[in-house]
Amino acid sequence: MKDWTECDAVERHPHVVSGAWVFKGTRVPVSALFENLRDGASVDEFLEWFPGVTRDQVEGVLNHEIETAEANTP
């Protein structure tokens, strides 16, 4: 499981969406972003489909993903 504790755009509560990491202030799981991008959606489409999520939050999550990947690259 990815460590999202250092990403300000997300939060996790045991009784919200079964404890999944969600975009802060929403019930939208972070995994929904990656699933939609994988399936060909654009960031703009994702934001349209999940209006509670902000562009800054999406950028924060994507930047965190990139920084984590770079840190784990030999």
Protein backbone atom coordinates (compact mmCIF):
# COMPACT_ATOMS: atom_id res chain seq x y z
CA MET A 1 0.00 0.00 0.00
CA LYS A 2 1.28 3.45 -0.90
CA ASP A 3 2.13 5.88 1.90
CA TRP A 4 0.02 8.99 1.39
CA THR A 5 0.72 10.51 4.82
CA GLU A 6 2.97 13.20 3.32
CA CYS A 7 0.41 14.33 0.73
CA ASP A 8 -1.67 17.29 1.95
CA ALA A 9 -4.36 16.70 -0.69
CA VAL A 10 -5.65 13.49 0.88
CA GLU A 11 -6.91 12.13 4.17
CA ARG A 12 -7.95 8.85 5.69
CA HIS A 13 -10.51 8.07 8.36
CA PRO A 14 -11.40 4.54 9.50
CA HIS A 15 -15.14 5.07 9.02
CA VAL A 16 -15.05 6.94 5.71
CA VAL A 17 -15.02 4.80 2.56
CA SER A 18 -13.76 1.84 4.62
CA GLY A 19 -10.59 3.70 5.58
CA ALA A 20 -9.42 4.29 2.00
CA TRP A 21 -7.34 7.35 1.19
CA VAL A 22 -9.71 10.00 -0.17
CA PHE A 23 -9.33 13.51 -1.49
CA LYS A 24 -9.49 15.81 1.54
CA GLY A 25 -13.02 16.97 2.31
CA THR A 26 -14.62 14.40 -0.01
CA ARG A 27 -15.53 10.74 -0.13
CA VAL A 28 -13.72 10.29 -3.48
CA PRO A 29 -11.00 7.64 -3.21
CA VAL A 30 -7.56 8.51 -4.57
CA SER A 31 -7.70 5.20 -6.43
CA ALA A 32 -10.61 6.59 -8.51
CA LEU A 33 -8.23 9.12 -10.07
CA PHE A 34 -5.74 6.47 -11.15
CA GLU A 35 -8.45 4.10 -12.37
CA ASN A 36 -10.02 6.81 -14.50
CA LEU A 37 -6.67 7.97 -15.91
CA ARG A 38 -5.73 4.36 -16.68
CA ASP A 39 -9.01 3.94 -18.53
CA GLY A 40 -8.27 6.98 -20.72
CA ALA A 41 -10.02 9.83 -18.93
CA SER A 42 -8.38 13.23 -18.80
CA VAL A 43 -7.86 15.20 -15.59
CA ASP A 44 -10.53 17.65 -16.80
CA GLU A 45 -13.02 14.80 -17.23
CA PHE A 46 -12.20 13.46 -13.76
CA LEU A 47 -12.78 16.90 -12.24
CA GLU A 48 -16.09 17.17 -14.08
CA TRP A 49 -17.22 13.74 -12.83
CA PHE A 50 -16.09 14.40 -9.25
CA PRO A 51 -16.90 18.08 -8.61
CA GLY A 52 -15.83 17.99 -4.95
CA VAL A 53 -12.22 17.38 -5.98
CA THR A 54 -10.08 20.38 -6.93
CA ARG A 55 -7.41 20.64 -9.60
CA ASP A 56 -4.89 21.49 -6.85
CA GLN A 57 -5.74 18.23 -5.08
CA VAL A 58 -5.30 16.21 -8.29
CA GLU A 59 -1.99 17.94 -8.99
CA GLY A 60 -0.88 17.27 -5.41
CA VAL A 61 -1.66 13.57 -5.74
CA LEU A 62 0.05 13.28 -9.13
CA ASN A 63 3.11 15.19 -7.91
CA HIS A 64 3.30 12.97 -4.84
CA GLU A 65 3.15 9.91 -7.09
CA ILE A 66 5.97 11.24 -9.26
CA GLU A 67 8.15 12.18 -6.27
CA THR A 68 7.59 8.77 -4.71
CA ALA A 69 8.48 7.00 -7.96
CA GLU A 70 11.63 9.11 -8.39
CA ALA A 71 12.69 8.44 -4.80
CA ASN A 72 12.36 4.70 -5.38
CA THR A 73 14.28 4.68 -8.66
CA PRO A 74 17.85 3.43 -8.32
